[in-house]
Protein backbone atom coordinates (compact mmCIF):
# COMPACT_ATOMS: atom_id res chain seq x y z
CA MET A 1 -0.06 -0.20 -0.02
CA ILE A 2 3.03 2.45 0.88
CA LYS A 3 4.43 1.69 -2.24
CA ARG A 4 1.66 2.39 -4.56
CA LEU A 5 1.04 5.24 -2.86
CA LEU A 6 4.67 6.65 -3.18
CA LEU A 7 4.61 5.59 -6.92
CA LEU A 8 1.35 7.69 -7.09
CA LEU A 9 2.81 10.78 -5.54
CA THR A 10 5.80 10.18 -7.71
CA GLY A 11 3.74 10.12 -10.95
CA LEU A 12 2.00 13.32 -9.83
CA LEU A 13 5.20 14.71 -9.07
CA VAL A 14 6.56 14.12 -12.13
CA THR A 15 3.47 15.11 -14.24
CA ALA A 16 3.25 18.39 -12.61
CA LEU A 17 7.03 19.32 -13.19
CA GLY A 18 6.42 18.22 -16.62
CA ALA A 19 3.71 20.48 -16.94
CA GLN A 20 5.65 23.58 -15.46
CA ALA A 21 8.14 23.12 -17.95
CA LEU A 22 5.84 22.80 -20.88
CA SER A 23 4.51 26.15 -19.51
CA VAL A 24 7.90 27.93 -19.11
CA ARG A 25 8.86 26.59 -22.65
CA ARG A 26 5.96 28.16 -24.05
CA ALA A 27 6.29 31.27 -22.38
CA ALA A 28 9.90 31.67 -23.33
CA ALA A 29 8.76 30.86 -26.90
CA ARG A 30 7.03 34.30 -26.71
CA VAL A 31 10.18 36.28 -25.54
CA ALA A 32 12.26 37.55 -28.75
CA PRO A 33 15.27 35.38 -29.29
CA GLU A 34 17.44 37.71 -28.55
CA LEU A 35 15.99 38.46 -25.25
CA ARG A 36 16.03 34.61 -24.08
CA GLY A 37 18.88 33.03 -21.52
CA PRO A 38 19.56 31.57 -18.34
CA ARG A 39 18.56 34.87 -16.48
CA LEU A 40 14.49 34.06 -17.32
CA LEU A 41 14.87 31.13 -14.84
CA ILE A 42 16.32 33.15 -11.96
CA SER A 43 13.21 34.30 -9.80
CA PHE A 44 13.46 35.92 -6.02
CA SER A 45 9.53 34.92 -5.50
CA TRP A 46 10.59 32.57 -2.75
CA VAL A 47 12.99 34.87 -0.90
CA PRO A 48 12.38 35.53 2.46
CA LEU A 49 11.71 39.51 2.85
CA GLY A 50 13.85 39.46 5.96
CA VAL A 51 17.21 38.50 4.28
CA LEU A 52 16.49 41.74 1.73
CA PRO A 53 19.20 43.99 3.50
CA LEU A 54 21.48 41.33 3.33
CA MET A 55 20.71 40.47 -0.13
CA ARG A 56 20.97 44.33 -1.21
CA ARG A 57 24.84 44.09 -0.56
CA PHE A 58 25.39 41.06 -2.96
CA LEU A 59 23.02 42.27 -5.77
CA ARG A 60 24.52 45.75 -5.94
CA ALA A 61 26.10 46.22 -9.63
CA ASP A 62 26.88 49.45 -10.95
CA THR A 63 26.63 49.88 -14.69
CA PRO A 64 29.14 51.78 -16.39
CA LEU A 65 29.11 55.43 -16.81
CA GLY A 66 29.27 56.86 -20.25
CA PRO A 67 32.60 58.67 -21.24
CA GLY A 68 32.81 62.42 -20.14
CA VAL A 69 29.95 61.89 -17.86
CA ALA A 70 30.77 63.29 -14.31
CA VAL A 71 29.03 61.96 -11.36
CA ARG A 72 28.72 63.54 -7.82
CA HIS A 73 26.85 62.29 -4.73
CA ARG A 74 25.14 64.83 -2.39
CA THR A 75 23.03 64.89 0.26
CA VAL A 76 20.22 67.78 -0.61
CA THR A 77 17.38 69.04 1.77
CA SER A 78 14.12 70.23 -0.10
CA PRO A 79 12.49 73.48 0.87
CA GLU A 80 9.89 71.48 3.20
CA GLY A 81 12.97 70.09 5.31
CA THR A 82 13.14 66.93 3.81
CA THR A 83 16.83 65.54 3.37
CA VAL A 84 17.68 62.93 0.97
CA ASP A 85 20.68 61.62 -0.97
CA VAL A 86 21.01 62.04 -4.76
CA VAL A 87 23.40 61.69 -7.36
CA VAL A 88 23.85 63.77 -10.24
CA TYR A 89 25.07 63.49 -13.60
CA ASP A 90 26.46 65.87 -16.24
CA ALA A 91 28.77 66.16 -19.09
CA GLY A 92 29.36 70.19 -18.71
CA SER A 93 29.20 70.50 -22.28
CA ARG A 94 25.60 71.65 -22.69
CA PRO A 95 23.77 74.85 -23.26
CA SER A 96 22.63 76.80 -20.07
CA PRO A 97 20.22 76.82 -18.97
CA SER A 98 18.56 73.37 -20.32
CA GLY A 99 15.84 70.97 -19.06
CA ALA A 100 16.62 68.16 -16.61
CA LEU A 101 15.57 65.05 -15.43
CA LEU A 102 14.60 63.58 -12.00
CA TRP A 103 15.61 59.76 -12.35
CA ILE A 104 14.16 57.25 -9.93
CA HIS A 105 15.47 53.73 -10.32
CA GLY A 106 13.59 50.51 -9.91
CA GLY A 107 13.21 47.76 -7.74
CA GLY A 108 10.10 46.69 -6.80
CA HIS A 109 10.24 49.06 -3.80
CA LEU A 110 12.19 46.41 -2.49
CA VAL A 111 16.00 46.59 -3.71
CA GLY A 112 17.71 48.85 -6.20
CA ASP A 113 20.12 51.91 -6.13
CA PRO A 114 21.11 54.81 -8.45
CA GLY A 115 24.06 52.86 -9.49
CA ILE A 116 22.17 50.45 -11.76
CA ASP A 117 21.25 53.17 -13.94
CA HIS A 118 24.66 54.82 -14.35
CA ALA A 119 24.46 53.65 -18.17
CA LEU A 120 20.94 54.62 -18.81
CA CYS A 121 21.50 58.10 -16.90
CA SER A 122 24.52 58.85 -18.92
CA ARG A 123 22.66 58.14 -22.24
CA PHE A 124 20.22 61.02 -21.08
CA VAL A 125 22.98 63.25 -20.15
CA LEU A 126 25.17 62.35 -23.63
CA GLU A 127 22.12 62.18 -25.87
CA ALA A 128 19.31 64.31 -24.60
CA GLY A 129 21.45 67.23 -23.22
CA VAL A 130 20.19 67.45 -19.58
CA PRO A 131 21.63 66.74 -16.60
CA VAL A 132 20.08 63.86 -14.30
CA VAL A 133 19.17 63.91 -10.49
CA SER A 134 18.91 60.38 -9.43
CA VAL A 135 17.37 59.42 -6.16
CA ASP A 136 18.74 57.07 -3.66
CA TYR A 137 15.34 56.53 -1.73
CA ARG A 138 14.61 54.31 1.14
CA LEU A 139 13.35 50.99 0.62
CA ALA A 140 10.56 48.82 1.85
CA PRO A 141 9.70 46.48 4.11
CA GLU A 142 12.14 48.48 6.36
CA ASP A 143 10.35 51.93 5.27
CA PRO A 144 7.01 51.35 3.59
CA TYR A 145 4.98 53.85 1.91
CA PRO A 146 5.27 56.96 2.11
CA ALA A 147 8.98 56.92 2.79
CA ASP A 148 10.14 56.62 -0.85
CA LEU A 149 7.59 58.93 -2.22
CA ASP A 150 8.54 61.76 0.18
CA ASP A 151 12.31 61.29 -0.53
CA CYS A 152 11.31 61.37 -4.55
CA TYR A 153 9.35 64.80 -4.03
CA ALA A 154 12.12 65.91 -1.65
CA ALA A 155 14.53 65.57 -4.67
CA LEU A 156 12.14 67.21 -7.08
CA ARG A 157 11.65 70.20 -4.95
CA TRP A 158 15.43 70.39 -4.23
CA LEU A 159 16.02 70.22 -7.94
CA GLN A 160 13.09 73.11 -8.96
CA THR A 161 14.55 75.16 -6.14
CA HIS A 162 18.61 74.97 -7.28
CA THR A 163 18.04 75.80 -10.91
CA ASP A 164 20.52 78.27 -11.20
CA GLU A 165 22.92 76.15 -9.39
CA LEU A 166 22.24 73.47 -11.97
CA GLY A 167 21.96 75.42 -14.97
CA VAL A 168 18.33 74.37 -15.68
CA ASP A 169 15.46 76.07 -16.98
CA PRO A 170 12.83 75.38 -14.31
CA SER A 171 10.23 75.39 -16.77
CA ARG A 172 11.69 72.33 -18.26
CA VAL A 173 11.93 69.79 -15.70
CA ALA A 174 10.99 66.31 -16.26
CA VAL A 175 10.53 63.33 -14.00
CA GLY A 176 11.05 59.56 -15.39
CA GLY A 177 11.57 56.41 -13.48
CA ALA A 178 11.66 52.57 -14.15
CA SER A 179 9.31 49.63 -12.87
CA ALA A 180 8.71 50.77 -9.06
CA GLY A 181 10.40 53.96 -10.00
CA GLY A 182 8.04 54.49 -13.11
CA GLY A 183 5.10 54.01 -10.36
CA LEU A 184 7.17 56.65 -7.95
CA ALA A 185 7.45 58.92 -11.10
CA ALA A 186 3.85 59.05 -11.65
CA ALA A 187 2.99 59.51 -7.88
CA THR A 188 5.71 62.28 -8.00
CA VAL A 189 4.17 64.19 -10.74
CA GLN A 190 0.51 63.90 -9.35
CA ARG A 191 2.00 65.24 -5.87
CA ALA A 192 3.79 68.09 -7.66
CA HIS A 193 0.67 68.83 -9.83
CA ASP A 194 -1.40 69.04 -6.42
CA ALA A 195 0.93 71.00 -4.53
CA GLY A 196 1.31 73.62 -7.56
CA HIS A 197 4.74 72.66 -8.29
CA PRO A 198 3.97 71.06 -12.07
CA VAL A 199 6.74 69.36 -13.99
CA CYS A 200 6.73 69.46 -17.93
CA PHE A 201 6.92 65.79 -18.90
CA GLN A 202 6.88 62.04 -17.17
CA LEU A 203 8.99 59.61 -18.60
CA LEU A 204 7.57 56.05 -17.64
CA GLU A 205 9.36 52.90 -18.22
CA TYR A 206 7.33 49.69 -17.65
CA PRO A 207 5.78 51.50 -14.54
CA MET A 208 4.45 49.49 -11.58
CA LEU A 209 1.32 51.72 -11.28
CA ASP A 210 -1.71 49.50 -9.84
CA ASP A 211 -1.21 47.09 -6.82
CA ARG A 212 -5.10 45.83 -7.65
CA THR A 213 -2.78 43.71 -10.88
CA ALA A 214 -2.00 41.63 -7.60
CA LEU A 215 -5.44 40.35 -7.65
CA VAL A 216 -5.61 39.45 -11.38
CA THR A 217 -5.43 35.77 -11.80
CA ASP A 218 -5.33 35.52 -15.44
CA GLN A 219 -2.55 37.31 -17.16
CA ALA A 220 -2.76 36.11 -20.61
CA GLY A 221 0.56 34.11 -20.25
CA ARG A 222 2.67 37.77 -19.06
CA GLY A 223 4.73 37.88 -16.38
CA ARG A 224 6.26 34.68 -16.26
CA PHE A 225 9.80 36.00 -16.22
CA VAL A 226 11.85 38.35 -13.98
CA TRP A 227 8.85 39.78 -12.07
CA THR A 228 6.12 37.53 -11.70
CA ALA A 229 2.75 37.72 -10.47
CA ARG A 230 3.80 36.19 -6.99
CA MET A 231 6.80 38.96 -6.61
CA ASN A 232 4.20 41.61 -7.32
CA ARG A 233 2.00 40.64 -4.52
CA ARG A 234 4.62 40.34 -2.11
CA ALA A 235 6.27 43.55 -3.21
CA TRP A 236 2.74 45.64 -3.00
CA SER A 237 1.85 44.30 0.43
CA ALA A 238 5.29 45.05 1.89
CA TYR A 239 5.30 48.46 0.44
CA LEU A 240 1.77 48.93 1.34
CA GLY A 241 1.97 47.47 4.95
CA GLY A 242 -1.03 45.10 4.09
CA PRO A 243 -2.76 43.09 1.49
CA ALA A 244 -1.95 44.49 -2.36
CA GLY A 245 -5.66 45.12 -3.71
CA SER A 246 -7.49 45.79 -0.65
CA GLU A 247 -10.01 48.67 -0.08
CA GLY A 248 -8.27 51.75 1.44
CA VAL A 249 -5.02 51.88 -0.61
CA LEU A 250 -4.66 55.59 -1.30
CA PRO A 251 -3.87 57.00 -4.73
CA ALA A 252 -0.55 58.29 -3.74
CA ALA A 253 0.76 54.87 -3.14
CA ALA A 254 -0.73 53.56 -6.49
CA PRO A 255 -1.19 56.05 -8.98
CA ALA A 256 -3.33 54.30 -10.98
CA ARG A 257 -5.85 54.43 -8.67
CA ARG A 258 -6.43 58.16 -8.70
CA THR A 259 -9.57 59.00 -10.39
CA ASP A 260 -8.76 62.50 -11.84
CA LEU A 261 -5.89 62.75 -14.11
CA THR A 262 -6.70 66.17 -15.78
CA GLY A 263 -3.94 68.60 -16.01
CA LEU A 264 -0.98 66.25 -15.58
CA PRO A 265 1.81 66.64 -17.80
CA PRO A 266 2.37 64.85 -21.21
CA ALA A 267 3.58 61.45 -20.71
CA TRP A 268 5.83 58.68 -22.67
CA ILE A 269 4.91 54.93 -21.42
CA GLY A 270 7.07 52.33 -22.50
CA VAL A 271 6.22 48.54 -21.78
CA GLY A 272 6.84 44.97 -23.29
CA ASP A 273 3.91 42.87 -24.51
CA GLN A 274 5.25 40.03 -22.04
CA ASP A 275 5.64 42.14 -19.03
CA LEU A 276 3.11 41.63 -15.79
CA PHE A 277 2.47 45.34 -16.18
CA HIS A 278 1.14 45.42 -19.80
CA ASP A 279 -2.32 45.78 -19.20
CA GLU A 280 -2.08 48.35 -16.24
CA ASP A 281 0.24 50.54 -18.29
CA LEU A 282 -1.91 50.46 -21.39
CA ALA A 283 -4.88 51.39 -19.10
CA TYR A 284 -3.23 54.14 -17.50
CA ALA A 285 -2.03 55.41 -21.24
CA ARG A 286 -5.89 55.55 -22.17
CA ARG A 287 -6.94 57.13 -18.97
CA LEU A 288 -4.35 59.77 -19.60
CA ARG A 289 -5.78 60.48 -23.26
CA THR A 290 -9.16 60.34 -21.77
CA ALA A 291 -8.14 63.10 -19.49
CA GLY A 292 -7.07 65.24 -22.20
CA VAL A 293 -3.53 64.46 -21.33
CA ALA A 294 -0.84 63.78 -24.45
CA CYS A 295 0.73 60.69 -23.52
CA ALA A 296 3.10 58.73 -26.34
CA LEU A 297 2.41 54.52 -25.87
CA HIS A 298 5.06 52.13 -27.26
CA VAL A 299 4.57 48.30 -26.59
CA GLU A 300 7.82 46.32 -27.16
CA PRO A 301 7.11 43.25 -28.56
CA GLY A 302 8.68 39.74 -27.39
CA MET A 303 10.00 42.06 -24.17
CA TYR A 304 9.68 40.93 -20.54
CA HIS A 305 9.85 43.14 -17.29
CA GLY A 306 13.25 44.55 -17.14
CA ALA A 307 14.64 43.11 -20.30
CA ASP A 308 16.66 46.15 -21.09
CA SER A 309 18.57 45.91 -18.14
CA VAL A 310 18.90 42.13 -18.34
CA ALA A 311 20.02 42.25 -22.24
CA PRO A 312 20.84 45.95 -22.39
CA ASP A 313 23.23 45.48 -25.74
CA ALA A 314 20.50 43.67 -27.67
CA PRO A 315 19.62 45.75 -30.78
CA SER A 316 15.78 46.01 -29.67
CA MET A 317 16.63 47.02 -26.18
CA THR A 318 19.53 49.71 -27.25
CA ALA A 319 16.59 51.15 -29.67
CA PHE A 320 13.77 50.78 -26.91
CA ARG A 321 16.20 53.05 -24.58
CA GLY A 322 16.73 55.17 -27.60
CA ARG A 323 12.78 55.89 -27.85
CA MET A 324 13.12 57.10 -24.04
CA VAL A 325 16.25 59.69 -25.00
CA ASP A 326 14.42 61.06 -27.72
CA ALA A 327 10.80 61.27 -26.03
CA LEU A 328 12.72 63.12 -23.10
CA ARG A 329 14.75 65.31 -25.55
CA ASP A 330 11.95 66.24 -27.43
CA ALA A 331 9.88 67.19 -24.42
CA VAL A 332 12.12 69.33 -22.82
CA ALA A 333 13.32 70.93 -26.16
CA ARG A 334 9.90 72.03 -26.90
CA HIS A 335 9.29 73.79 -23.42
């Protein structure tokens, strides 16, 4: 009897693993060939949140700076009295005053630091002709909402009130970010608008906008790689200090919950068609347009979440980031 039970359990396990492997192969087949690789099989979905502080030390990997780009690490204070660490990128060879970009790195509100975007911020400096201020904001679960949003807003207010020092036109300040940083960028823009300190443009790279995505059970095969539905639920819950998708979540924490988008600045949103955030990003773009806000939307075929960081040298990812640079350059040049 025990032997038959063990054989049955073994058969069920083999069947389940086979079905899982088949599901992964089918999902990988939808990924652009140049973006496939072993990294697709790595997931942090099961890592206990308590070990994140230790993991951050080992995960830190600065990307290379562009030629001639100077970096300054500063601790700045907003007019409202909030102090935050920032990294300022500049090449020193631009017309002054120019536009500027406040950049917010990704990491699901749980990990990440400005160094992961050295290369991207360098492209903004060199190709869009703007200085970049990147925010080294506090992370959850140690510092949940609104800690990181407070830090990002403080950095923006410092930038807006030090434009003479930075050689920046205050009417040409943009805010951008990737993933959780894209969500924070959208939230920072909303907060600045409400406070009477608007910016000219928002650059949202596969932004993490809506905690209610965690409640969606059918993702049409999306979100199988890098940033999964399980990781999304855990990250949102850690950030919010309660279950993702629950009642009472403030729009400032999940900017897609804001009901009135009227008057916000023009936006660019880019996301892959295999990204977990695909649907929420397209919905936000539609709502911006319905509210009368100009919003350019680019959906990259075969791209999973964060693919431009996993495979930055892939031609499609170089072009994807080039679209971001072009959007930023055009936005700050028009203003």
